[in-house]
Amino acid sequence: MSNRDYANRKPTKGKAKSTRRKSQAPAPRRFPLLLLLVTIGLVGGFCYFLWSINDSSTDDTEPAAVVDKPKKPVVNKDPNALPPKPKEQWTYQQELENKQVEVDIPDAEKAKPSRPYQMQCGSFRTLSQAEEMKAVIAFQGLSASIKKVKGTTGDWHKVSLGPYDSKRQVERERHILQKAGINGCIILFWEGA
């Protein structure tokens, strides 16, 4: 099989032309007279409807009982005049002027939480891993402590921060640690030293 260059091939003259039959031109379309008549009829009917309802709002057809009443003379008022000021109906303003509000202020001792918070950021088998976590926390400007705890499976070294007086302080420091990539911190109640 030989390779042919179809891109640079010149058209052949006089050889087989297309075998397609030339289609006959479609017959010229007639103007849709029926559609025009229907459209004119609909537009004319709509215009007549609008003309007939135009004067219906000004009809003075009143019931017989109302016709017997004498009509009030029409007074030409200034169209730019404002209506009279409405009469004030509210009484709460006078009630509030003589009202006293009593507020109970809690004592400072009662406002403090009975159990302050702490945050635990890790629990490790080896002391070196706990020291490494403590160093990463120190680079964030926070101070952590390591506590050795005996568990059912052996000794554990817990890295924790705290105590904190409010949960808001704990959340603020947890967000600082999350920005540094330390995501495993949990908030607990302070267990004491």
N, C-alpha and C. Protein backbone atom coordinates (compact mmCIF):
# COMPACT_ATOMS: atom_id res chain seq x y z
N MET A 1 0.84 -1.17 0.00
CA MET A 1 0.00 0.00 0.00
C MET A 1 0.88 1.24 0.00
N SER A 2 0.60 2.14 -0.85
CA SER A 2 1.43 3.33 -0.97
C SER A 2 0.85 4.47 -0.15
N ASN A 3 1.74 5.31 0.29
CA ASN A 3 1.30 6.48 1.07
C ASN A 3 0.89 7.58 0.11
N ARG A 4 -0.26 8.15 0.34
CA ARG A 4 -0.74 9.24 -0.50
C ARG A 4 -0.75 10.53 0.29
N ASP A 5 -0.46 11.58 -0.40
CA ASP A 5 -0.47 12.90 0.21
C ASP A 5 -1.78 13.57 -0.15
N TYR A 6 -2.74 13.50 0.77
CA TYR A 6 -4.05 14.06 0.49
C TYR A 6 -4.08 15.57 0.72
N ALA A 7 -3.18 16.09 1.54
CA ALA A 7 -3.18 17.51 1.83
C ALA A 7 -2.74 18.33 0.63
N ASN A 8 -1.75 17.87 -0.11
CA ASN A 8 -1.21 18.62 -1.24
C ASN A 8 -1.72 18.10 -2.57
N ARG A 9 -2.68 17.30 -2.57
CA ARG A 9 -3.20 16.69 -3.80
C ARG A 9 -4.01 17.73 -4.58
N LYS A 10 -3.80 17.79 -5.86
CA LYS A 10 -4.50 18.74 -6.71
C LYS A 10 -5.77 18.08 -7.22
N PRO A 11 -6.82 18.85 -7.37
CA PRO A 11 -8.07 18.26 -7.87
C PRO A 11 -7.91 17.83 -9.32
N THR A 12 -8.57 16.75 -9.66
CA THR A 12 -8.50 16.23 -11.02
C THR A 12 -9.57 16.91 -11.87
N LYS A 13 -9.24 17.14 -13.11
CA LYS A 13 -10.17 17.83 -13.99
C LYS A 13 -10.90 16.81 -14.85
N GLY A 14 -12.16 17.00 -14.99
CA GLY A 14 -12.95 16.20 -15.90
C GLY A 14 -13.26 14.82 -15.43
N LYS A 15 -12.75 14.37 -14.34
CA LYS A 15 -13.05 13.02 -13.88
C LYS A 15 -14.35 13.01 -13.13
N ALA A 16 -14.64 11.96 -12.48
CA ALA A 16 -15.93 11.72 -11.85
C ALA A 16 -16.33 12.88 -10.96
N LYS A 17 -17.43 13.48 -11.33
CA LYS A 17 -17.97 14.55 -10.51
C LYS A 17 -18.95 13.94 -9.55
N SER A 18 -19.46 14.73 -8.70
CA SER A 18 -20.34 14.18 -7.69
C SER A 18 -21.56 13.59 -8.35
N THR A 19 -21.99 12.48 -7.81
CA THR A 19 -23.13 11.76 -8.38
C THR A 19 -24.44 12.20 -7.74
N ARG A 20 -24.38 13.17 -6.88
CA ARG A 20 -25.59 13.64 -6.22
C ARG A 20 -26.45 14.42 -7.20
N ARG A 21 -27.73 14.20 -7.10
CA ARG A 21 -28.66 14.94 -7.95
C ARG A 21 -28.86 16.32 -7.33
N LYS A 22 -28.94 17.26 -8.20
CA LYS A 22 -29.22 18.59 -7.70
C LYS A 22 -30.67 18.62 -7.27
N SER A 23 -30.89 19.08 -6.07
CA SER A 23 -32.26 19.13 -5.58
C SER A 23 -32.97 20.31 -6.20
N GLN A 24 -34.23 20.13 -6.45
CA GLN A 24 -35.01 21.20 -7.04
C GLN A 24 -35.27 22.27 -5.98
N ALA A 25 -35.33 23.49 -6.42
CA ALA A 25 -35.60 24.60 -5.51
C ALA A 25 -37.00 24.44 -4.96
N PRO A 26 -37.19 24.71 -3.69
CA PRO A 26 -38.53 24.57 -3.13
C PRO A 26 -39.46 25.62 -3.74
N ALA A 27 -40.70 25.24 -3.78
CA ALA A 27 -41.70 26.16 -4.33
C ALA A 27 -41.79 27.40 -3.45
N PRO A 28 -42.00 28.56 -4.04
CA PRO A 28 -42.08 29.76 -3.21
C PRO A 28 -43.27 29.66 -2.26
N ARG A 29 -43.04 30.08 -1.04
CA ARG A 29 -44.09 29.97 -0.01
C ARG A 29 -45.06 31.12 -0.16
N ARG A 30 -46.31 30.82 0.03
CA ARG A 30 -47.34 31.84 -0.07
C ARG A 30 -47.45 32.57 1.26
N PHE A 31 -47.92 33.78 1.19
CA PHE A 31 -48.10 34.58 2.39
C PHE A 31 -49.24 33.99 3.21
N PRO A 32 -49.05 33.76 4.55
CA PRO A 32 -50.10 33.13 5.37
C PRO A 32 -51.23 34.12 5.65
N LEU A 33 -52.17 34.18 4.73
CA LEU A 33 -53.28 35.11 4.82
C LEU A 33 -54.19 34.81 6.02
N LEU A 34 -54.43 33.52 6.27
CA LEU A 34 -55.31 33.15 7.38
C LEU A 34 -54.71 33.58 8.72
N LEU A 35 -53.41 33.38 8.90
CA LEU A 35 -52.74 33.77 10.13
C LEU A 35 -52.82 35.29 10.32
N LEU A 36 -52.68 36.06 9.25
CA LEU A 36 -52.76 37.50 9.33
C LEU A 36 -54.16 37.95 9.76
N LEU A 37 -55.19 37.33 9.21
CA LEU A 37 -56.56 37.70 9.57
C LEU A 37 -56.86 37.38 11.04
N VAL A 38 -56.42 36.23 11.52
CA VAL A 38 -56.65 35.86 12.92
C VAL A 38 -55.92 36.83 13.85
N THR A 39 -54.69 37.19 13.52
CA THR A 39 -53.92 38.12 14.35
C THR A 39 -54.58 39.49 14.39
N ILE A 40 -55.04 40.00 13.26
CA ILE A 40 -55.71 41.30 13.23
C ILE A 40 -56.99 41.26 14.06
N GLY A 41 -57.74 40.14 13.95
CA GLY A 41 -58.96 40.01 14.73
C GLY A 41 -58.69 40.01 16.23
N LEU A 42 -57.65 39.30 16.66
CA LEU A 42 -57.33 39.24 18.10
C LEU A 42 -56.86 40.60 18.61
N VAL A 43 -56.00 41.28 17.87
CA VAL A 43 -55.50 42.59 18.30
C VAL A 43 -56.66 43.58 18.35
N GLY A 44 -57.55 43.54 17.33
CA GLY A 44 -58.70 44.45 17.33
C GLY A 44 -59.63 44.18 18.50
N GLY A 45 -59.87 42.89 18.82
CA GLY A 45 -60.72 42.55 19.96
C GLY A 45 -60.12 43.02 21.28
N PHE A 46 -58.81 42.89 21.41
CA PHE A 46 -58.14 43.33 22.64
C PHE A 46 -58.24 44.84 22.78
N CYS A 47 -58.06 45.58 21.69
CA CYS A 47 -58.17 47.05 21.74
C CYS A 47 -59.59 47.47 22.11
N TYR A 48 -60.61 46.79 21.54
CA TYR A 48 -61.99 47.12 21.87
C TYR A 48 -62.27 46.86 23.36
N PHE A 49 -61.71 45.75 23.89
CA PHE A 49 -61.89 45.43 25.31
C PHE A 49 -61.29 46.54 26.18
N LEU A 50 -60.09 46.98 25.84
CA LEU A 50 -59.45 48.04 26.62
C LEU A 50 -60.25 49.34 26.53
N TRP A 51 -60.78 49.67 25.36
CA TRP A 51 -61.57 50.89 25.19
C TRP A 51 -62.87 50.83 25.99
N SER A 52 -63.46 49.62 26.06
CA SER A 52 -64.74 49.50 26.77
C SER A 52 -64.57 49.59 28.28
N ILE A 53 -63.46 49.17 28.83
CA ILE A 53 -63.26 49.25 30.29
C ILE A 53 -62.61 50.56 30.70
N ASN A 54 -62.22 51.38 29.76
CA ASN A 54 -61.54 52.63 30.06
C ASN A 54 -62.45 53.57 30.85
N ASP A 55 -63.70 53.69 30.49
CA ASP A 55 -64.61 54.62 31.14
C ASP A 55 -65.39 54.00 32.29
N SER A 56 -65.16 52.75 32.59
CA SER A 56 -65.96 52.09 33.64
C SER A 56 -65.63 52.60 35.03
N SER A 57 -64.43 53.13 35.24
CA SER A 57 -64.06 53.61 36.58
C SER A 57 -64.69 54.96 36.89
N THR A 58 -65.14 55.69 35.91
CA THR A 58 -65.72 57.01 36.17
C THR A 58 -67.24 56.98 36.16
N ASP A 59 -67.84 55.81 36.08
CA ASP A 59 -69.31 55.72 36.10
C ASP A 59 -69.82 56.20 37.45
N ASP A 60 -70.86 57.02 37.42
CA ASP A 60 -71.46 57.52 38.65
C ASP A 60 -72.71 56.74 38.98
N THR A 61 -72.71 55.48 38.71
CA THR A 61 -73.89 54.66 39.02
C THR A 61 -73.83 54.31 40.48
N GLU A 62 -74.65 54.94 41.27
CA GLU A 62 -74.69 54.70 42.70
C GLU A 62 -76.03 54.07 43.04
N PRO A 63 -76.10 53.32 44.14
CA PRO A 63 -77.38 52.77 44.56
C PRO A 63 -78.37 53.87 44.88
N ALA A 64 -79.65 53.53 44.86
CA ALA A 64 -80.72 54.53 45.07
C ALA A 64 -80.64 55.17 46.44
N ALA A 65 -80.25 54.42 47.48
CA ALA A 65 -80.20 54.95 48.84
C ALA A 65 -79.13 56.03 48.94
N VAL A 66 -78.04 55.88 48.22
CA VAL A 66 -76.96 56.85 48.30
C VAL A 66 -77.28 58.08 47.48
N VAL A 67 -78.05 57.93 46.42
CA VAL A 67 -78.38 59.05 45.55
C VAL A 67 -79.23 60.07 46.30
N ASP A 68 -80.05 59.63 47.25
CA ASP A 68 -80.93 60.54 47.97
C ASP A 68 -80.17 61.46 48.92
N LYS A 69 -78.97 61.05 49.34
CA LYS A 69 -78.21 61.88 50.28
C LYS A 69 -77.66 63.10 49.56
N PRO A 70 -77.66 64.22 50.25
CA PRO A 70 -77.07 65.41 49.61
C PRO A 70 -75.55 65.24 49.57
N LYS A 71 -74.99 65.68 48.50
CA LYS A 71 -73.54 65.55 48.35
C LYS A 71 -72.85 66.73 49.01
N LYS A 72 -71.67 66.44 49.58
CA LYS A 72 -70.88 67.49 50.20
C LYS A 72 -70.19 68.29 49.11
N PRO A 73 -70.06 69.56 49.31
CA PRO A 73 -69.37 70.35 48.30
C PRO A 73 -67.88 69.97 48.26
N VAL A 74 -67.34 69.91 47.09
CA VAL A 74 -65.94 69.55 46.92
C VAL A 74 -65.09 70.78 47.20
N VAL A 75 -64.13 70.62 48.12
CA VAL A 75 -63.25 71.71 48.48
C VAL A 75 -61.91 71.45 47.80
N ASN A 76 -61.44 72.41 47.07
CA ASN A 76 -60.16 72.26 46.40
C ASN A 76 -59.06 72.50 47.42
N LYS A 77 -58.37 71.43 47.76
CA LYS A 77 -57.27 71.54 48.73
C LYS A 77 -55.96 71.63 47.98
N ASP A 78 -54.99 72.13 48.68
CA ASP A 78 -53.65 72.20 48.11
C ASP A 78 -53.11 70.77 47.98
N PRO A 79 -52.72 70.35 46.78
CA PRO A 79 -52.23 68.96 46.62
C PRO A 79 -50.91 68.71 47.34
N ASN A 80 -50.18 69.74 47.66
CA ASN A 80 -48.89 69.57 48.34
C ASN A 80 -49.02 69.66 49.85
N ALA A 81 -50.23 69.90 50.37
CA ALA A 81 -50.43 70.04 51.80
C ALA A 81 -50.30 68.68 52.48
N LEU A 82 -49.73 68.69 53.65
CA LEU A 82 -49.57 67.46 54.43
C LEU A 82 -50.83 67.21 55.25
N PRO A 83 -51.12 65.93 55.52
CA PRO A 83 -52.27 65.64 56.37
C PRO A 83 -51.96 66.06 57.81
N PRO A 84 -52.99 66.22 58.64
CA PRO A 84 -52.73 66.64 60.03
C PRO A 84 -51.95 65.57 60.78
N LYS A 85 -51.21 66.02 61.77
CA LYS A 85 -50.38 65.11 62.57
C LYS A 85 -51.30 64.17 63.36
N PRO A 86 -51.02 62.86 63.31
CA PRO A 86 -51.90 61.93 64.02
C PRO A 86 -51.75 62.07 65.53
N LYS A 87 -52.80 61.73 66.23
CA LYS A 87 -52.79 61.81 67.68
C LYS A 87 -52.01 60.61 68.23
N GLU A 88 -51.16 60.88 69.21
CA GLU A 88 -50.32 59.82 69.78
C GLU A 88 -51.17 58.92 70.66
N GLN A 89 -51.03 57.61 70.42
CA GLN A 89 -51.85 56.64 71.14
C GLN A 89 -51.05 55.83 72.15
N TRP A 90 -49.77 55.99 72.18
CA TRP A 90 -48.92 55.12 73.00
C TRP A 90 -48.73 55.71 74.39
N THR A 91 -48.69 54.82 75.38
CA THR A 91 -48.49 55.27 76.75
C THR A 91 -47.21 54.70 77.36
N TYR A 92 -46.52 53.89 76.61
CA TYR A 92 -45.34 53.24 77.21
C TYR A 92 -44.23 54.25 77.51
N GLN A 93 -44.18 55.35 76.81
CA GLN A 93 -43.14 56.34 77.08
C GLN A 93 -43.30 56.92 78.49
N GLN A 94 -44.54 57.22 78.89
CA GLN A 94 -44.76 57.74 80.23
C GLN A 94 -44.50 56.65 81.27
N GLU A 95 -44.83 55.41 80.94
CA GLU A 95 -44.60 54.32 81.88
C GLU A 95 -43.11 54.08 82.10
N LEU A 96 -42.32 54.20 81.05
CA LEU A 96 -40.88 53.96 81.17
C LEU A 96 -40.15 55.06 81.91
N GLU A 97 -40.68 56.26 81.89
CA GLU A 97 -40.02 57.36 82.60
C GLU A 97 -40.00 57.12 84.11
N ASN A 98 -41.01 56.50 84.65
CA ASN A 98 -41.10 56.26 86.09
C ASN A 98 -40.70 54.84 86.47
N LYS A 99 -40.19 54.06 85.56
CA LYS A 99 -39.88 52.66 85.82
C LYS A 99 -38.44 52.53 86.31
N GLN A 100 -38.24 51.64 87.28
CA GLN A 100 -36.90 51.33 87.75
C GLN A 100 -36.63 49.86 87.46
N VAL A 101 -35.41 49.59 87.02
CA VAL A 101 -35.01 48.23 86.67
C VAL A 101 -34.03 47.75 87.72
N GLU A 102 -34.30 46.57 88.26
CA GLU A 102 -33.42 45.99 89.26
C GLU A 102 -32.65 44.84 88.61
N VAL A 103 -31.32 44.84 88.83
CA VAL A 103 -30.46 43.83 88.24
C VAL A 103 -29.70 43.15 89.35
N ASP A 104 -29.72 41.83 89.33
CA ASP A 104 -28.94 41.08 90.31
C ASP A 104 -27.54 40.88 89.77
N ILE A 105 -26.54 41.36 90.50
CA ILE A 105 -25.15 41.20 90.10
C ILE A 105 -24.58 40.04 90.91
N PRO A 106 -24.14 38.98 90.24
CA PRO A 106 -23.61 37.84 90.99
C PRO A 106 -22.26 38.18 91.62
N ASP A 107 -21.99 37.51 92.73
CA ASP A 107 -20.71 37.70 93.40
C ASP A 107 -19.59 37.16 92.53
N ALA A 108 -18.38 37.71 92.70
CA ALA A 108 -17.23 37.28 91.90
C ALA A 108 -16.85 35.83 92.22
N GLU A 109 -17.06 35.42 93.46
CA GLU A 109 -16.73 34.04 93.84
C GLU A 109 -17.67 33.04 93.17
N LYS A 110 -18.94 33.42 93.04
CA LYS A 110 -19.90 32.52 92.40
C LYS A 110 -19.71 32.47 90.90
N ALA A 111 -19.14 33.53 90.31
CA ALA A 111 -18.97 33.60 88.86
C ALA A 111 -17.85 32.69 88.37
N LYS A 112 -16.87 32.41 89.22
CA LYS A 112 -15.76 31.55 88.81
C LYS A 112 -16.24 30.12 88.68
N PRO A 113 -15.74 29.41 87.66
CA PRO A 113 -16.14 28.01 87.53
C PRO A 113 -15.59 27.19 88.69
N SER A 114 -16.35 26.22 89.11
CA SER A 114 -15.91 25.39 90.22
C SER A 114 -14.80 24.44 89.78
N ARG A 115 -14.78 24.11 88.49
CA ARG A 115 -13.73 23.22 87.98
C ARG A 115 -13.10 23.88 86.76
N PRO A 116 -11.93 24.49 86.88
CA PRO A 116 -11.29 25.13 85.74
C PRO A 116 -10.90 24.09 84.67
N TYR A 117 -10.49 24.59 83.51
CA TYR A 117 -10.22 23.73 82.35
C TYR A 117 -8.74 23.50 82.14
N GLN A 118 -8.43 22.42 81.43
CA GLN A 118 -7.09 22.14 80.96
C GLN A 118 -7.20 21.58 79.54
N MET A 119 -6.07 21.55 78.83
CA MET A 119 -6.07 21.04 77.47
C MET A 119 -4.96 20.00 77.35
N GLN A 120 -5.33 18.80 76.90
CA GLN A 120 -4.36 17.72 76.72
C GLN A 120 -4.08 17.59 75.23
N CYS A 121 -2.80 17.66 74.87
CA CYS A 121 -2.42 17.64 73.45
C CYS A 121 -1.74 16.35 73.02
N GLY A 122 -1.47 15.46 73.93
CA GLY A 122 -0.86 14.20 73.52
C GLY A 122 -0.56 13.31 74.71
N SER A 123 -0.45 12.01 74.41
CA SER A 123 -0.08 11.02 75.42
C SER A 123 0.87 10.04 74.73
N PHE A 124 2.11 9.94 75.27
CA PHE A 124 3.15 9.18 74.59
C PHE A 124 3.75 8.13 75.51
N ARG A 125 4.28 7.07 74.91
CA ARG A 125 4.95 6.01 75.67
C ARG A 125 6.32 6.47 76.15
N THR A 126 7.03 7.20 75.29
CA THR A 126 8.39 7.59 75.65
C THR A 126 8.43 9.06 76.03
N LEU A 127 9.35 9.40 76.90
CA LEU A 127 9.52 10.77 77.36
C LEU A 127 10.04 11.66 76.24
N SER A 128 10.86 11.11 75.33
CA SER A 128 11.42 11.93 74.25
C SER A 128 10.33 12.45 73.30
N GLN A 129 9.32 11.62 73.02
CA GLN A 129 8.22 12.07 72.18
C GLN A 129 7.42 13.17 72.88
N ALA A 130 7.22 13.03 74.18
CA ALA A 130 6.50 14.04 74.94
C ALA A 130 7.29 15.36 74.97
N GLU A 131 8.61 15.27 75.12
CA GLU A 131 9.45 16.47 75.12
C GLU A 131 9.41 17.16 73.76
N GLU A 132 9.36 16.38 72.69
CA GLU A 132 9.29 16.94 71.35
C GLU A 132 7.99 17.73 71.16
N MET A 133 6.87 17.17 71.62
CA MET A 133 5.58 17.86 71.53
C MET A 133 5.59 19.13 72.37
N LYS A 134 6.21 19.07 73.55
CA LYS A 134 6.29 20.23 74.42
C LYS A 134 7.11 21.34 73.75
N ALA A 135 8.16 20.98 73.01
CA ALA A 135 8.99 21.97 72.31
C ALA A 135 8.21 22.63 71.18
N VAL A 136 7.42 21.85 70.44
CA VAL A 136 6.61 22.42 69.36
C VAL A 136 5.60 23.41 69.92
N ILE A 137 5.00 23.08 71.06
CA ILE A 137 4.04 23.97 71.71
C ILE A 137 4.75 25.23 72.20
N ALA A 138 5.97 25.09 72.70
CA ALA A 138 6.73 26.25 73.20
C ALA A 138 7.06 27.21 72.06
N PHE A 139 7.30 26.68 70.85
CA PHE A 139 7.56 27.55 69.71
C PHE A 139 6.34 28.39 69.34
N GLN A 140 5.16 28.02 69.77
CA GLN A 140 3.94 28.80 69.52
C GLN A 140 3.70 29.84 70.61
N GLY A 141 4.59 29.91 71.61
CA GLY A 141 4.47 30.91 72.68
C GLY A 141 3.63 30.42 73.85
N LEU A 142 3.39 29.13 73.96
CA LEU A 142 2.57 28.57 75.04
C LEU A 142 3.43 27.65 75.88
N SER A 143 3.04 27.49 77.14
CA SER A 143 3.81 26.61 78.01
C SER A 143 3.00 25.36 78.32
N ALA A 144 3.66 24.22 78.19
CA ALA A 144 3.01 22.93 78.44
C ALA A 144 3.76 22.20 79.54
N SER A 145 3.09 21.22 80.12
CA SER A 145 3.74 20.40 81.15
C SER A 145 3.58 18.93 80.79
N ILE A 146 4.51 18.14 81.28
CA ILE A 146 4.48 16.69 81.02
C ILE A 146 4.21 16.00 82.35
N LYS A 147 3.26 15.10 82.35
CA LYS A 147 2.90 14.39 83.57
C LYS A 147 2.97 12.89 83.28
N LYS A 148 3.67 12.15 84.14
CA LYS A 148 3.79 10.70 83.97
C LYS A 148 2.63 10.03 84.70
N VAL A 149 1.90 9.19 83.98
CA VAL A 149 0.71 8.55 84.53
C VAL A 149 0.83 7.05 84.32
N LYS A 150 0.45 6.27 85.36
CA LYS A 150 0.44 4.82 85.23
C LYS A 150 -0.93 4.40 84.72
N GLY A 151 -0.93 3.67 83.60
CA GLY A 151 -2.18 3.19 83.03
C GLY A 151 -2.23 1.67 83.11
N THR A 152 -3.27 1.07 82.59
CA THR A 152 -3.42 -0.39 82.61
C THR A 152 -2.43 -1.07 81.67
N THR A 153 -1.95 -0.33 80.66
CA THR A 153 -1.00 -0.91 79.71
C THR A 153 0.41 -0.42 79.93
N GLY A 154 0.67 0.30 81.00
CA GLY A 154 2.02 0.77 81.29
C GLY A 154 2.04 2.25 81.60
N ASP A 155 3.25 2.82 81.56
CA ASP A 155 3.42 4.24 81.85
C ASP A 155 3.18 5.07 80.59
N TRP A 156 2.53 6.23 80.80
CA TRP A 156 2.24 7.16 79.72
C TRP A 156 2.72 8.54 80.14
N HIS A 157 3.16 9.33 79.16
CA HIS A 157 3.60 10.70 79.39
C HIS A 157 2.60 11.64 78.70
N LYS A 158 1.81 12.35 79.50
CA LYS A 158 0.77 13.23 78.97
C LYS A 158 1.30 14.66 78.87
N VAL A 159 1.05 15.29 77.71
CA VAL A 159 1.42 16.69 77.49
C VAL A 159 0.14 17.50 77.61
N SER A 160 0.11 18.42 78.58
CA SER A 160 -1.11 19.20 78.79
C SER A 160 -0.76 20.65 79.07
N LEU A 161 -1.75 21.51 78.83
CA LEU A 161 -1.63 22.94 79.07
C LEU A 161 -2.71 23.34 80.07
N GLY A 162 -2.43 24.30 80.89
CA GLY A 162 -3.47 24.77 81.81
C GLY A 162 -2.98 24.85 83.22
N PRO A 163 -3.82 25.17 84.12
CA PRO A 163 -5.28 25.33 84.12
C PRO A 163 -5.71 26.69 83.56
N TYR A 164 -6.93 26.74 83.06
CA TYR A 164 -7.55 27.95 82.53
C TYR A 164 -8.82 28.22 83.33
N ASP A 165 -9.12 29.51 83.51
CA ASP A 165 -10.32 29.88 84.26
C ASP A 165 -11.58 29.80 83.39
N SER A 166 -11.44 30.04 82.08
CA SER A 166 -12.62 30.03 81.22
C SER A 166 -12.37 29.17 79.98
N LYS A 167 -13.42 28.67 79.44
CA LYS A 167 -13.32 27.84 78.25
C LYS A 167 -12.90 28.67 77.05
N ARG A 168 -13.20 29.94 77.06
CA ARG A 168 -12.82 30.82 75.96
C ARG A 168 -11.30 30.91 75.83
N GLN A 169 -10.59 30.98 76.98
CA GLN A 169 -9.13 31.01 76.95
C GLN A 169 -8.58 29.71 76.35
N VAL A 170 -9.18 28.59 76.71
CA VAL A 170 -8.72 27.30 76.20
C VAL A 170 -8.93 27.24 74.69
N GLU A 171 -10.09 27.67 74.23
CA GLU A 171 -10.40 27.65 72.79
C GLU A 171 -9.44 28.54 72.01
N ARG A 172 -9.09 29.69 72.57
CA ARG A 172 -8.18 30.62 71.90
C ARG A 172 -6.82 29.97 71.69
N GLU A 173 -6.31 29.30 72.73
CA GLU A 173 -5.00 28.66 72.60
C GLU A 173 -5.07 27.41 71.73
N ARG A 174 -6.21 26.72 71.72
CA ARG A 174 -6.35 25.55 70.84
C ARG A 174 -6.32 25.98 69.38
N HIS A 175 -6.89 27.15 69.07
CA HIS A 175 -6.84 27.65 67.70
C HIS A 175 -5.41 28.01 67.30
N ILE A 176 -4.63 28.52 68.24
CA ILE A 176 -3.22 28.82 67.96
C ILE A 176 -2.49 27.54 67.61
N LEU A 177 -2.74 26.47 68.37
CA LEU A 177 -2.08 25.20 68.11
C LEU A 177 -2.56 24.57 66.80
N GLN A 178 -3.83 24.74 66.46
CA GLN A 178 -4.35 24.19 65.20
C GLN A 178 -3.69 24.87 64.00
N LYS A 179 -3.41 26.18 64.11
CA LYS A 179 -2.72 26.87 63.03
C LYS A 179 -1.30 26.33 62.86
N ALA A 180 -0.72 25.82 63.93
CA ALA A 180 0.63 25.27 63.88
C ALA A 180 0.63 23.80 63.45
N GLY A 181 -0.54 23.20 63.24
CA GLY A 181 -0.62 21.82 62.78
C GLY A 181 -0.83 20.81 63.89
N ILE A 182 -1.09 21.26 65.10
CA ILE A 182 -1.35 20.35 66.22
C ILE A 182 -2.85 20.29 66.40
N ASN A 183 -3.48 19.22 65.92
CA ASN A 183 -4.93 19.13 65.89
C ASN A 183 -5.52 18.17 66.91
N GLY A 184 -4.71 17.47 67.66
CA GLY A 184 -5.24 16.45 68.54
C GLY A 184 -5.54 16.89 69.96
N CYS A 185 -5.59 18.18 70.22
CA CYS A 185 -5.80 18.68 71.59
C CYS A 185 -7.27 18.58 71.98
N ILE A 186 -7.50 18.11 73.21
CA ILE A 186 -8.86 18.01 73.73
C ILE A 186 -8.96 18.82 75.02
N ILE A 187 -10.16 19.33 75.28
CA ILE A 187 -10.40 20.17 76.46
C ILE A 187 -11.01 19.30 77.55
N LEU A 188 -10.41 19.37 78.75
CA LEU A 188 -10.86 18.57 79.89
C LEU A 188 -11.02 19.49 81.09
N PHE A 189 -11.67 18.96 82.15
CA PHE A 189 -11.70 19.67 83.42
C PHE A 189 -10.38 19.42 84.14
N TRP A 190 -9.94 20.42 84.88
CA TRP A 190 -8.64 20.34 85.59
C TRP A 190 -8.75 19.32 86.71
N GLU A 191 -7.75 18.43 86.74
CA GLU A 191 -7.74 17.36 87.75
C GLU A 191 -6.85 17.70 88.93
N GLY A 192 -6.15 18.80 88.87
CA GLY A 192 -5.27 19.16 89.98
C GLY A 192 -3.84 18.74 89.68
N ALA A 193 -2.93 19.09 90.60
CA ALA A 193 -1.50 18.83 90.36
C ALA A 193 -1.09 17.48 90.79
